[in-house]
């Protein structure tokens, strides 16, 4: 993905670098992402990326934050379609398996989620959407943690191809995800009824 320097006269070099980083990440993994290589990909000087990212770690944090923002958008879209916890789980696993290297980076222990706040806020937004479906109060988060642990674990198993080969076939994935998420025993928060009253309903598997 090479782009001429003139393309960045409008000031979108940062966006182009993030796009190039996503491409390099999915092609060869996080180890292949470097500011020097990204400069070559987009056709700018080796010094140009440092106007936007102080170092490689800052770049990777920005890429991971974009990943959490994209995940949150998918969960929010599912929620806006009168989505259920099952639907949000499907959206979560679908995002992870469609972007395996990005997903691994998002949860990499090498990244500090408290620095910068951008990454912490992005991760919290995605968590908050699951919480809106599973927690009766802000203090009660065990159901949310159970939901996240299940979809995260399933996503990792699928990405790492640690399941029997027949379960990894594309036409089997939807049924597999539904079956696994069906064992999730948490209270799912329902949407308000016509009178404006909100009530809890049983989650999948109840």
N, C-alpha and C. Protein backbone atom coordinates (compact mmCIF):
# COMPACT_ATOMS: atom_id res chain seq x y z
N UNK A 1 0.84 -1.18 0.00
CA UNK A 1 0.00 0.00 0.00
C UNK A 1 0.87 1.23 0.00
N UNK A 2 1.27 1.71 -1.14
CA UNK A 2 2.12 2.87 -1.25
C UNK A 2 1.29 4.07 -1.70
N UNK A 3 1.51 5.20 -1.08
CA UNK A 3 0.79 6.41 -1.43
C UNK A 3 1.77 7.55 -1.50
N UNK A 4 1.62 8.42 -2.47
CA UNK A 4 2.55 9.52 -2.64
C UNK A 4 2.43 10.54 -1.52
N UNK A 5 3.55 11.22 -1.27
CA UNK A 5 3.58 12.22 -0.21
C UNK A 5 2.53 13.28 -0.43
N UNK A 6 2.28 13.63 -1.71
CA UNK A 6 1.33 14.69 -2.01
C UNK A 6 -0.07 14.40 -1.48
N UNK A 7 -0.36 13.12 -1.26
CA UNK A 7 -1.67 12.74 -0.75
C UNK A 7 -1.91 13.25 0.66
N UNK A 8 -0.85 13.65 1.37
CA UNK A 8 -0.98 14.04 2.76
C UNK A 8 -0.95 15.55 2.97
N UNK A 9 -1.09 16.32 1.90
CA UNK A 9 -1.10 17.76 2.05
C UNK A 9 -2.32 18.22 2.84
N UNK A 10 -3.37 17.36 2.89
CA UNK A 10 -4.56 17.72 3.64
C UNK A 10 -4.42 17.36 5.11
N UNK A 11 -3.28 16.79 5.50
CA UNK A 11 -3.02 16.55 6.91
C UNK A 11 -3.49 15.22 7.45
N UNK A 12 -3.70 14.22 6.61
CA UNK A 12 -4.20 12.93 7.09
C UNK A 12 -3.10 11.88 7.16
N UNK A 13 -1.89 12.29 7.40
CA UNK A 13 -0.80 11.33 7.49
C UNK A 13 -1.02 10.35 8.64
N UNK A 14 -1.54 10.84 9.75
CA UNK A 14 -1.79 9.95 10.89
C UNK A 14 -2.75 8.82 10.51
N UNK A 15 -3.83 9.18 9.84
CA UNK A 15 -4.79 8.16 9.43
C UNK A 15 -4.19 7.17 8.46
N UNK A 16 -3.36 7.67 7.55
CA UNK A 16 -2.72 6.78 6.58
C UNK A 16 -1.75 5.83 7.26
N UNK A 17 -1.06 6.32 8.27
CA UNK A 17 -0.12 5.46 9.01
C UNK A 17 -0.87 4.38 9.78
N UNK A 18 -2.01 4.73 10.35
CA UNK A 18 -2.81 3.74 11.07
C UNK A 18 -3.36 2.68 10.11
N UNK A 19 -3.79 3.12 8.93
CA UNK A 19 -4.27 2.17 7.93
C UNK A 19 -3.16 1.22 7.51
N UNK A 20 -1.97 1.79 7.28
CA UNK A 20 -0.83 0.97 6.88
C UNK A 20 -0.43 0.01 7.99
N UNK A 21 -0.54 0.47 9.25
CA UNK A 21 -0.21 -0.39 10.39
C UNK A 21 -1.18 -1.56 10.48
N UNK A 22 -2.48 -1.31 10.25
CA UNK A 22 -3.46 -2.39 10.26
C UNK A 22 -3.14 -3.41 9.18
N UNK A 23 -2.78 -2.93 8.00
CA UNK A 23 -2.45 -3.82 6.89
C UNK A 23 -1.24 -4.67 7.22
N UNK A 24 -0.18 -4.04 7.74
CA UNK A 24 1.04 -4.77 8.10
C UNK A 24 0.77 -5.76 9.22
N UNK A 25 -0.08 -5.37 10.16
CA UNK A 25 -0.42 -6.21 11.30
C UNK A 25 -1.09 -7.49 10.84
N UNK A 26 -2.09 -7.37 9.97
CA UNK A 26 -2.82 -8.54 9.51
C UNK A 26 -1.99 -9.40 8.57
N UNK A 27 -1.03 -8.80 7.88
CA UNK A 27 -0.19 -9.57 6.96
C UNK A 27 0.88 -10.38 7.69
N UNK A 28 1.54 -9.74 8.66
CA UNK A 28 2.72 -10.37 9.26
C UNK A 28 2.78 -10.31 10.78
N UNK A 29 1.73 -9.82 11.44
CA UNK A 29 1.75 -9.77 12.89
C UNK A 29 2.37 -8.50 13.44
N UNK A 30 2.22 -8.30 14.75
CA UNK A 30 2.68 -7.06 15.38
C UNK A 30 4.17 -6.85 15.26
N UNK A 31 4.94 -7.92 15.21
CA UNK A 31 6.40 -7.79 15.14
C UNK A 31 6.85 -7.11 13.86
N UNK A 32 5.98 -7.13 12.83
CA UNK A 32 6.35 -6.54 11.54
C UNK A 32 6.03 -5.05 11.47
N UNK A 33 5.38 -4.53 12.49
CA UNK A 33 4.98 -3.12 12.47
C UNK A 33 6.09 -2.25 13.05
N UNK A 34 6.59 -1.35 12.24
CA UNK A 34 7.60 -0.40 12.70
C UNK A 34 7.35 0.93 12.01
N UNK A 35 7.75 2.02 12.64
CA UNK A 35 7.53 3.34 12.05
C UNK A 35 8.31 3.49 10.75
N UNK A 36 9.48 2.92 10.70
CA UNK A 36 10.30 3.00 9.48
C UNK A 36 9.61 2.28 8.32
N UNK A 37 9.08 1.09 8.59
CA UNK A 37 8.40 0.33 7.54
C UNK A 37 7.11 1.02 7.10
N UNK A 38 6.41 1.62 8.03
CA UNK A 38 5.18 2.32 7.67
C UNK A 38 5.48 3.55 6.82
N UNK A 39 6.57 4.23 7.13
CA UNK A 39 6.97 5.37 6.31
C UNK A 39 7.23 4.92 4.87
N UNK A 40 7.87 3.78 4.73
CA UNK A 40 8.14 3.25 3.39
C UNK A 40 6.83 2.90 2.69
N UNK A 41 5.90 2.30 3.41
CA UNK A 41 4.64 1.89 2.81
C UNK A 41 3.83 3.07 2.28
N UNK A 42 3.81 4.16 3.02
CA UNK A 42 2.99 5.30 2.59
C UNK A 42 3.78 6.32 1.78
N UNK A 43 5.08 6.12 1.62
CA UNK A 43 5.87 6.97 0.76
C UNK A 43 6.27 8.30 1.34
N UNK A 44 6.59 8.32 2.64
CA UNK A 44 7.06 9.55 3.27
C UNK A 44 8.45 9.32 3.85
N UNK A 45 9.07 10.37 4.34
CA UNK A 45 10.41 10.24 4.91
C UNK A 45 10.35 9.43 6.20
N UNK A 46 11.48 8.87 6.59
CA UNK A 46 11.52 8.07 7.81
C UNK A 46 11.19 8.88 9.05
N UNK A 47 11.40 10.19 8.98
CA UNK A 47 11.13 11.04 10.14
C UNK A 47 9.67 11.44 10.25
N UNK A 48 8.92 11.38 9.15
CA UNK A 48 7.54 11.89 9.12
C UNK A 48 6.62 11.24 10.15
N UNK A 49 6.64 9.93 10.35
CA UNK A 49 5.72 9.32 11.32
C UNK A 49 5.88 9.85 12.74
N UNK A 50 7.09 10.33 13.07
CA UNK A 50 7.33 10.79 14.44
C UNK A 50 6.61 12.11 14.74
N UNK A 51 6.02 12.73 13.73
CA UNK A 51 5.20 13.92 13.99
C UNK A 51 3.90 13.53 14.68
N UNK A 52 3.52 12.27 14.55
CA UNK A 52 2.24 11.80 15.10
C UNK A 52 2.40 10.75 16.20
N UNK A 53 3.49 10.00 16.17
CA UNK A 53 3.71 8.94 17.16
C UNK A 53 5.15 9.04 17.67
N UNK A 54 5.28 9.14 18.99
CA UNK A 54 6.61 9.29 19.57
C UNK A 54 7.46 8.05 19.38
N UNK A 55 6.82 6.88 19.35
CA UNK A 55 7.55 5.62 19.22
C UNK A 55 6.60 4.53 18.73
N UNK A 56 7.13 3.34 18.55
CA UNK A 56 6.34 2.21 18.05
C UNK A 56 5.23 1.84 19.02
N UNK A 57 5.51 1.89 20.33
CA UNK A 57 4.50 1.53 21.32
C UNK A 57 3.30 2.45 21.23
N UNK A 58 3.53 3.73 21.05
CA UNK A 58 2.43 4.68 20.94
C UNK A 58 1.59 4.41 19.70
N UNK A 59 2.25 4.03 18.63
CA UNK A 59 1.54 3.67 17.40
C UNK A 59 0.65 2.44 17.64
N UNK A 60 1.21 1.40 18.26
CA UNK A 60 0.45 0.18 18.50
C UNK A 60 -0.73 0.43 19.43
N UNK A 61 -0.54 1.31 20.40
CA UNK A 61 -1.65 1.66 21.28
C UNK A 61 -2.78 2.32 20.51
N UNK A 62 -2.42 3.19 19.57
CA UNK A 62 -3.43 3.86 18.75
C UNK A 62 -4.17 2.86 17.87
N UNK A 63 -3.46 1.89 17.33
CA UNK A 63 -4.08 0.86 16.51
C UNK A 63 -5.03 0.02 17.37
N UNK A 64 -4.58 -0.36 18.57
CA UNK A 64 -5.42 -1.15 19.47
C UNK A 64 -6.67 -0.36 19.88
N UNK A 65 -6.51 0.93 20.14
CA UNK A 65 -7.66 1.76 20.51
C UNK A 65 -8.67 1.81 19.37
N UNK A 66 -8.18 1.91 18.13
CA UNK A 66 -9.08 1.87 16.98
C UNK A 66 -9.83 0.54 16.93
N UNK A 67 -9.13 -0.55 17.29
CA UNK A 67 -9.77 -1.85 17.32
C UNK A 67 -10.91 -1.90 18.32
N UNK A 68 -10.68 -1.38 19.52
CA UNK A 68 -11.74 -1.37 20.54
C UNK A 68 -12.90 -0.47 20.11
N UNK A 69 -12.58 0.64 19.45
CA UNK A 69 -13.64 1.52 18.96
C UNK A 69 -14.49 0.82 17.90
N UNK A 70 -13.83 0.08 17.02
CA UNK A 70 -14.57 -0.66 15.99
C UNK A 70 -15.42 -1.76 16.61
N UNK A 71 -14.87 -2.45 17.60
CA UNK A 71 -15.64 -3.48 18.30
C UNK A 71 -16.86 -2.86 18.97
N UNK A 72 -16.67 -1.71 19.62
CA UNK A 72 -17.79 -1.03 20.27
C UNK A 72 -18.85 -0.62 19.26
N UNK A 73 -18.44 -0.17 18.07
CA UNK A 73 -19.41 0.20 17.04
C UNK A 73 -20.25 -1.00 16.62
N UNK A 74 -19.60 -2.16 16.49
CA UNK A 74 -20.34 -3.36 16.10
C UNK A 74 -21.33 -3.78 17.19
N UNK A 75 -20.89 -3.71 18.44
CA UNK A 75 -21.79 -4.07 19.54
C UNK A 75 -22.93 -3.06 19.65
N UNK A 76 -22.62 -1.79 19.43
CA UNK A 76 -23.64 -0.75 19.50
C UNK A 76 -24.66 -0.91 18.38
N UNK A 77 -24.19 -1.28 17.21
CA UNK A 77 -25.11 -1.51 16.08
C UNK A 77 -26.04 -2.67 16.38
N UNK A 78 -25.51 -3.72 17.00
CA UNK A 78 -26.33 -4.87 17.37
C UNK A 78 -27.35 -4.48 18.43
N UNK A 79 -26.91 -3.65 19.37
CA UNK A 79 -27.81 -3.20 20.43
C UNK A 79 -28.92 -2.34 19.85
N UNK A 80 -28.57 -1.50 18.86
CA UNK A 80 -29.55 -0.62 18.24
C UNK A 80 -30.58 -1.37 17.42
N UNK A 81 -30.28 -2.59 17.04
CA UNK A 81 -31.21 -3.41 16.28
C UNK A 81 -32.03 -4.31 17.21
N UNK A 82 -32.28 -3.81 18.43
CA UNK A 82 -33.00 -4.59 19.44
C UNK A 82 -32.25 -5.88 19.72
N UNK A 83 -30.94 -5.76 19.75
CA UNK A 83 -30.08 -6.93 19.90
C UNK A 83 -30.18 -7.57 21.27
N UNK A 84 -29.88 -8.84 21.31
CA UNK A 84 -29.85 -9.61 22.54
C UNK A 84 -28.39 -9.86 22.91
N UNK A 85 -28.19 -10.44 24.07
CA UNK A 85 -26.84 -10.81 24.48
C UNK A 85 -26.25 -11.81 23.48
N UNK A 86 -27.09 -12.72 22.98
CA UNK A 86 -26.63 -13.68 21.99
C UNK A 86 -26.16 -12.95 20.73
N UNK A 87 -26.92 -11.96 20.29
CA UNK A 87 -26.54 -11.20 19.10
C UNK A 87 -25.25 -10.45 19.30
N UNK A 88 -25.08 -9.86 20.49
CA UNK A 88 -23.85 -9.12 20.77
C UNK A 88 -22.67 -10.09 20.85
N UNK A 89 -22.92 -11.28 21.37
CA UNK A 89 -21.86 -12.28 21.41
C UNK A 89 -21.43 -12.69 20.01
N UNK A 90 -22.40 -12.86 19.12
CA UNK A 90 -22.10 -13.19 17.73
C UNK A 90 -21.27 -12.07 17.10
N UNK A 91 -21.67 -10.83 17.35
CA UNK A 91 -20.95 -9.69 16.78
C UNK A 91 -19.52 -9.63 17.31
N UNK A 92 -19.36 -9.92 18.59
CA UNK A 92 -18.03 -9.89 19.22
C UNK A 92 -17.11 -10.93 18.59
N UNK A 93 -17.58 -12.18 18.54
CA UNK A 93 -16.75 -13.25 17.99
C UNK A 93 -16.51 -13.02 16.50
N UNK A 94 -17.52 -12.49 15.80
CA UNK A 94 -17.34 -12.20 14.38
C UNK A 94 -16.26 -11.17 14.15
N UNK A 95 -16.22 -10.13 14.99
CA UNK A 95 -15.17 -9.12 14.88
C UNK A 95 -13.80 -9.73 15.12
N UNK A 96 -13.69 -10.52 16.19
CA UNK A 96 -12.40 -11.10 16.56
C UNK A 96 -11.86 -12.02 15.47
N UNK A 97 -12.70 -12.88 14.94
CA UNK A 97 -12.24 -13.85 13.94
C UNK A 97 -11.99 -13.20 12.59
N UNK A 98 -12.60 -12.04 12.34
CA UNK A 98 -12.35 -11.33 11.09
C UNK A 98 -11.08 -10.49 11.15
N UNK A 99 -10.63 -10.20 12.35
CA UNK A 99 -9.43 -9.35 12.55
C UNK A 99 -8.51 -10.01 13.58
N UNK A 100 -8.01 -11.21 13.29
CA UNK A 100 -7.28 -11.97 14.32
C UNK A 100 -6.04 -11.27 14.88
N UNK A 101 -5.23 -10.69 14.02
CA UNK A 101 -4.00 -10.05 14.52
C UNK A 101 -4.32 -8.79 15.30
N UNK A 102 -5.29 -8.03 14.82
CA UNK A 102 -5.72 -6.83 15.56
C UNK A 102 -6.27 -7.22 16.91
N UNK A 103 -7.10 -8.25 16.95
CA UNK A 103 -7.70 -8.69 18.21
C UNK A 103 -6.62 -9.12 19.21
N UNK A 104 -5.62 -9.85 18.74
CA UNK A 104 -4.53 -10.26 19.64
C UNK A 104 -3.79 -9.04 20.18
N UNK A 105 -3.57 -8.04 19.31
CA UNK A 105 -2.89 -6.82 19.75
C UNK A 105 -3.71 -6.11 20.81
N UNK A 106 -5.01 -6.04 20.64
CA UNK A 106 -5.89 -5.33 21.58
C UNK A 106 -5.75 -5.87 23.00
N UNK A 107 -5.46 -7.16 23.13
CA UNK A 107 -5.35 -7.78 24.45
C UNK A 107 -3.92 -8.18 24.79
N UNK A 108 -2.97 -7.63 24.05
CA UNK A 108 -1.57 -7.96 24.29
C UNK A 108 -1.12 -7.44 25.66
N UNK A 109 -0.44 -8.26 26.46
CA UNK A 109 0.06 -7.80 27.75
C UNK A 109 1.18 -6.77 27.62
N UNK A 110 1.69 -6.59 26.40
CA UNK A 110 2.75 -5.61 26.19
C UNK A 110 2.22 -4.18 26.18
N UNK A 111 0.91 -4.03 26.01
CA UNK A 111 0.32 -2.69 25.96
C UNK A 111 -0.23 -2.30 27.33
N UNK A 112 0.05 -1.08 27.73
CA UNK A 112 -0.44 -0.56 29.01
C UNK A 112 -1.78 0.13 28.77
N UNK A 113 -2.88 -0.46 29.24
CA UNK A 113 -4.20 0.10 28.98
C UNK A 113 -4.50 1.36 29.77
N UNK A 114 -3.62 1.73 30.67
CA UNK A 114 -3.83 2.96 31.43
C UNK A 114 -3.06 4.12 30.82
N UNK A 115 -2.25 3.82 29.84
CA UNK A 115 -1.43 4.87 29.23
C UNK A 115 -1.29 4.59 27.74
N UNK A 116 -1.85 5.40 26.88
CA UNK A 116 -2.58 6.62 27.21
C UNK A 116 -4.02 6.31 27.58
N UNK A 117 -4.75 7.34 28.05
CA UNK A 117 -6.14 7.15 28.42
C UNK A 117 -6.98 6.75 27.23
N UNK A 118 -6.54 7.12 26.03
CA UNK A 118 -7.27 6.78 24.81
C UNK A 118 -7.57 5.29 24.74
N UNK A 119 -6.59 4.46 25.05
CA UNK A 119 -6.76 3.02 24.97
C UNK A 119 -7.69 2.52 26.08
N UNK A 120 -7.51 3.03 27.29
CA UNK A 120 -8.35 2.63 28.41
C UNK A 120 -9.81 3.00 28.16
N UNK A 121 -10.05 4.19 27.63
CA UNK A 121 -11.42 4.64 27.36
C UNK A 121 -12.07 3.79 26.28
N UNK A 122 -11.30 3.44 25.26
CA UNK A 122 -11.85 2.63 24.17
C UNK A 122 -12.23 1.24 24.66
N UNK A 123 -11.38 0.63 25.48
CA UNK A 123 -11.67 -0.69 26.03
C UNK A 123 -12.88 -0.64 26.95
N UNK A 124 -12.97 0.42 27.76
CA UNK A 124 -14.09 0.56 28.69
C UNK A 124 -15.42 0.73 27.95
N UNK A 125 -15.39 1.39 26.80
CA UNK A 125 -16.62 1.59 26.03
C UNK A 125 -17.18 0.25 25.56
N UNK A 126 -16.31 -0.63 25.07
CA UNK A 126 -16.75 -1.94 24.62
C UNK A 126 -17.28 -2.76 25.81
N UNK A 127 -16.58 -2.71 26.94
CA UNK A 127 -17.02 -3.42 28.14
C UNK A 127 -18.38 -2.90 28.59
N UNK A 128 -18.57 -1.58 28.51
CA UNK A 128 -19.81 -0.97 28.95
C UNK A 128 -21.02 -1.44 28.16
N UNK A 129 -20.82 -1.73 26.87
CA UNK A 129 -21.93 -2.21 26.06
C UNK A 129 -22.36 -3.61 26.48
N UNK A 130 -21.41 -4.47 26.82
CA UNK A 130 -21.77 -5.78 27.35
C UNK A 130 -22.43 -5.63 28.71
N UNK A 131 -21.93 -4.69 29.49
CA UNK A 131 -22.50 -4.47 30.82
C UNK A 131 -23.95 -4.03 30.73
N UNK A 132 -24.28 -3.25 29.69
CA UNK A 132 -25.66 -2.76 29.54
C UNK A 132 -26.64 -3.91 29.34
N UNK A 133 -26.15 -5.05 28.87
CA UNK A 133 -27.01 -6.20 28.64
C UNK A 133 -27.01 -7.19 29.80
N UNK A 134 -26.02 -7.11 30.66
CA UNK A 134 -25.85 -8.18 31.64
C UNK A 134 -25.87 -7.75 33.10
N UNK A 135 -25.77 -6.47 33.39
CA UNK A 135 -25.66 -6.03 34.78
C UNK A 135 -26.89 -5.24 35.21
N UNK A 136 -27.45 -5.61 36.35
CA UNK A 136 -28.60 -4.89 36.87
C UNK A 136 -28.17 -3.55 37.46
N UNK A 137 -26.97 -3.49 38.01
CA UNK A 137 -26.42 -2.26 38.57
C UNK A 137 -24.97 -2.12 38.14
N UNK A 138 -24.44 -0.91 38.29
CA UNK A 138 -23.04 -0.68 37.94
C UNK A 138 -22.11 -1.46 38.84
N UNK A 139 -22.58 -1.78 40.07
CA UNK A 139 -21.72 -2.50 41.01
C UNK A 139 -21.67 -4.00 40.70
N UNK A 140 -22.73 -4.53 40.11
CA UNK A 140 -22.80 -5.96 39.83
C UNK A 140 -22.24 -6.25 38.44
N UNK A 141 -21.01 -6.73 38.38
CA UNK A 141 -20.35 -6.93 37.10
C UNK A 141 -19.99 -8.39 36.84
N UNK A 142 -20.37 -9.30 37.72
CA UNK A 142 -19.97 -10.69 37.53
C UNK A 142 -20.57 -11.27 36.25
N UNK A 143 -21.83 -10.89 35.94
CA UNK A 143 -22.44 -11.37 34.71
C UNK A 143 -21.73 -10.85 33.48
N UNK A 144 -21.34 -9.59 33.54
CA UNK A 144 -20.60 -9.00 32.42
C UNK A 144 -19.26 -9.68 32.24
N UNK A 145 -18.57 -9.94 33.36
CA UNK A 145 -17.27 -10.61 33.27
C UNK A 145 -17.43 -12.03 32.73
N UNK A 146 -18.51 -12.70 33.11
CA UNK A 146 -18.75 -14.05 32.59
C UNK A 146 -18.98 -14.01 31.08
N UNK A 147 -19.77 -13.04 30.64
CA UNK A 147 -20.05 -12.91 29.20
C UNK A 147 -18.77 -12.60 28.44
N UNK A 148 -17.97 -11.66 28.95
CA UNK A 148 -16.74 -11.29 28.26
C UNK A 148 -15.75 -12.45 28.25
N UNK A 149 -15.64 -13.14 29.38
CA UNK A 149 -14.71 -14.27 29.45
C UNK A 149 -15.08 -15.35 28.44
N UNK A 150 -16.38 -15.58 28.28
CA UNK A 150 -16.81 -16.63 27.37
C UNK A 150 -16.55 -16.25 25.91
N UNK A 151 -16.95 -15.05 25.50
CA UNK A 151 -16.75 -14.66 24.10
C UNK A 151 -15.27 -14.46 23.79
N UNK A 152 -14.52 -13.96 24.77
CA UNK A 152 -13.09 -13.78 24.55
C UNK A 152 -12.39 -15.13 24.41
N UNK A 153 -12.73 -16.06 25.30
CA UNK A 153 -12.13 -17.38 25.24
C UNK A 153 -12.45 -18.10 23.95
N UNK A 154 -13.71 -18.04 23.53
CA UNK A 154 -14.11 -18.69 22.28
C UNK A 154 -13.39 -18.05 21.10
N UNK A 155 -13.28 -16.73 21.12
CA UNK A 155 -12.58 -16.02 20.05
C UNK A 155 -11.14 -16.49 19.94
N UNK A 156 -10.45 -16.61 21.08
CA UNK A 156 -9.06 -17.04 21.07
C UNK A 156 -8.92 -18.47 20.55
N UNK A 157 -9.83 -19.34 20.97
CA UNK A 157 -9.78 -20.73 20.50
C UNK A 157 -9.96 -20.80 18.99
N UNK A 158 -10.87 -19.98 18.46
CA UNK A 158 -11.10 -19.97 17.02
C UNK A 158 -9.92 -19.37 16.27
N UNK A 159 -9.37 -18.28 16.78
CA UNK A 159 -8.24 -17.63 16.13
C UNK A 159 -7.02 -18.55 16.12
N UNK A 160 -6.77 -19.22 17.22
CA UNK A 160 -5.62 -20.11 17.33
C UNK A 160 -5.88 -21.49 16.75
N UNK A 161 -7.11 -21.72 16.26
CA UNK A 161 -7.48 -22.98 15.61
C UNK A 161 -7.20 -24.17 16.53
N UNK A 162 -7.63 -24.04 17.76
CA UNK A 162 -7.42 -25.08 18.76
C UNK A 162 -8.62 -26.01 18.90
N UNK A 163 -9.62 -25.81 18.08
CA UNK A 163 -10.81 -26.65 18.11
C UNK A 163 -10.72 -27.72 17.02
N UNK A 164 -11.49 -28.80 17.13
CA UNK A 164 -11.48 -29.81 16.07
C UNK A 164 -11.75 -29.19 14.71
N UNK A 165 -11.10 -29.69 13.70
CA UNK A 165 -11.16 -29.10 12.37
C UNK A 165 -12.58 -28.94 11.84
N UNK A 166 -13.45 -29.91 12.12
CA UNK A 166 -14.81 -29.83 11.60
C UNK A 166 -15.60 -28.67 12.19
N UNK A 167 -15.20 -28.23 13.39
CA UNK A 167 -15.89 -27.10 14.02
C UNK A 167 -15.41 -25.76 13.48
N UNK A 168 -14.30 -25.77 12.78
CA UNK A 168 -13.74 -24.53 12.25
C UNK A 168 -14.25 -24.19 10.86
N UNK A 169 -15.03 -25.07 10.28
CA UNK A 169 -15.55 -24.80 8.94
C UNK A 169 -16.51 -23.60 9.00
N UNK A 170 -16.43 -22.76 7.96
CA UNK A 170 -17.19 -21.51 7.96
C UNK A 170 -18.69 -21.74 8.15
N UNK A 171 -19.23 -22.78 7.54
CA UNK A 171 -20.67 -23.02 7.64
C UNK A 171 -21.08 -23.58 8.99
N UNK A 172 -20.11 -23.88 9.84
CA UNK A 172 -20.41 -24.40 11.18
C UNK A 172 -20.26 -23.35 12.27
N UNK A 173 -19.63 -22.22 11.94
CA UNK A 173 -19.27 -21.26 12.98
C UNK A 173 -20.48 -20.64 13.67
N UNK A 174 -21.48 -20.25 12.90
CA UNK A 174 -22.65 -19.61 13.51
C UNK A 174 -23.31 -20.54 14.52
N UNK A 175 -23.53 -21.78 14.11
CA UNK A 175 -24.15 -22.76 15.02
C UNK A 175 -23.26 -23.02 16.23
N UNK A 176 -21.95 -23.07 16.01
CA UNK A 176 -21.01 -23.29 17.12
C UNK A 176 -21.09 -22.16 18.13
N UNK A 177 -21.08 -20.94 17.64
CA UNK A 177 -21.12 -19.78 18.53
C UNK A 177 -22.43 -19.77 19.31
N UNK A 178 -23.54 -20.04 18.63
CA UNK A 178 -24.84 -20.07 19.31
C UNK A 178 -24.87 -21.15 20.37
N UNK A 179 -24.31 -22.31 20.06
CA UNK A 179 -24.31 -23.41 21.02
C UNK A 179 -23.49 -23.08 22.25
N UNK A 180 -22.29 -22.51 22.03
CA UNK A 180 -21.42 -22.17 23.16
C UNK A 180 -22.03 -21.06 24.01
N UNK A 181 -22.50 -20.00 23.36
CA UNK A 181 -23.07 -18.89 24.11
C UNK A 181 -24.37 -19.30 24.81
N UNK A 182 -25.00 -20.36 24.32
CA UNK A 182 -26.21 -20.84 24.94
C UNK A 182 -25.99 -21.35 26.35
N UNK A 183 -24.74 -21.63 26.72
CA UNK A 183 -24.43 -22.10 28.07
C UNK A 183 -24.19 -20.95 29.04
N UNK A 184 -24.26 -19.72 28.53
CA UNK A 184 -23.99 -18.57 29.38
C UNK A 184 -25.16 -18.34 30.33
N UNK A 185 -24.91 -18.49 31.63
CA UNK A 185 -25.96 -18.37 32.64
C UNK A 185 -25.84 -17.02 33.34
N UNK A 186 -26.35 -15.96 32.70
CA UNK A 186 -26.35 -14.64 33.34
C UNK A 186 -27.70 -14.01 33.10
N UNK A 187 -28.02 -13.04 33.95
CA UNK A 187 -29.25 -12.27 33.75
C UNK A 187 -29.00 -11.25 32.66
N UNK A 188 -29.88 -11.24 31.66
CA UNK A 188 -29.76 -10.29 30.56
C UNK A 188 -30.75 -9.15 30.77
N UNK A 189 -30.27 -7.94 30.77
CA UNK A 189 -31.15 -6.80 31.00
C UNK A 189 -32.01 -6.57 29.76
N UNK A 190 -33.31 -6.52 29.97
CA UNK A 190 -34.21 -6.29 28.84
C UNK A 190 -34.36 -4.80 28.59
N UNK A 191 -34.88 -4.46 27.43
CA UNK A 191 -35.16 -3.08 27.12
C UNK A 191 -36.46 -2.68 27.80
N UNK A 192 -36.66 -1.38 28.06
CA UNK A 192 -37.89 -0.94 28.72
C UNK A 192 -39.12 -1.35 27.93
N UNK A 193 -40.21 -1.71 28.64
CA UNK A 193 -41.44 -2.06 27.94
C UNK A 193 -42.17 -0.80 27.51
N UNK A 194 -43.37 -0.97 26.99
CA UNK A 194 -44.08 0.18 26.45
C UNK A 194 -44.43 1.22 27.50
N UNK A 195 -44.47 0.80 28.76
CA UNK A 195 -44.77 1.73 29.84
C UNK A 195 -43.52 2.39 30.39
N UNK A 196 -42.37 2.03 29.80
CA UNK A 196 -41.12 2.62 30.24
C UNK A 196 -40.47 1.89 31.38
N UNK A 197 -40.99 0.70 31.75
CA UNK A 197 -40.43 -0.07 32.85
C UNK A 197 -39.36 -1.01 32.33
N UNK A 198 -38.24 -1.04 33.00
CA UNK A 198 -37.17 -1.95 32.60
C UNK A 198 -37.20 -3.17 33.50
N UNK A 199 -37.05 -4.34 32.91
CA UNK A 199 -37.08 -5.57 33.72
C UNK A 199 -36.00 -6.52 33.24
N UNK A 200 -35.61 -7.42 34.10
CA UNK A 200 -34.59 -8.40 33.75
C UNK A 200 -35.25 -9.62 33.18
N UNK A 201 -34.57 -10.22 32.22
CA UNK A 201 -35.05 -11.48 31.65
C UNK A 201 -33.91 -12.48 31.67
N UNK A 202 -34.23 -13.74 31.57
CA UNK A 202 -33.21 -14.77 31.61
C UNK A 202 -32.34 -14.69 30.37
N UNK A 203 -31.04 -14.89 30.57
CA UNK A 203 -30.13 -14.92 29.44
C UNK A 203 -30.16 -16.26 28.76
N UNK A 204 -29.36 -16.45 27.70
CA UNK A 204 -29.33 -17.70 26.98
C UNK A 204 -29.02 -18.85 27.91
N UNK A 205 -29.67 -19.98 27.69
CA UNK A 205 -29.39 -21.17 28.47
C UNK A 205 -30.29 -21.33 29.67
N UNK A 206 -31.10 -20.30 29.97
CA UNK A 206 -32.00 -20.41 31.13
C UNK A 206 -33.23 -21.21 30.77
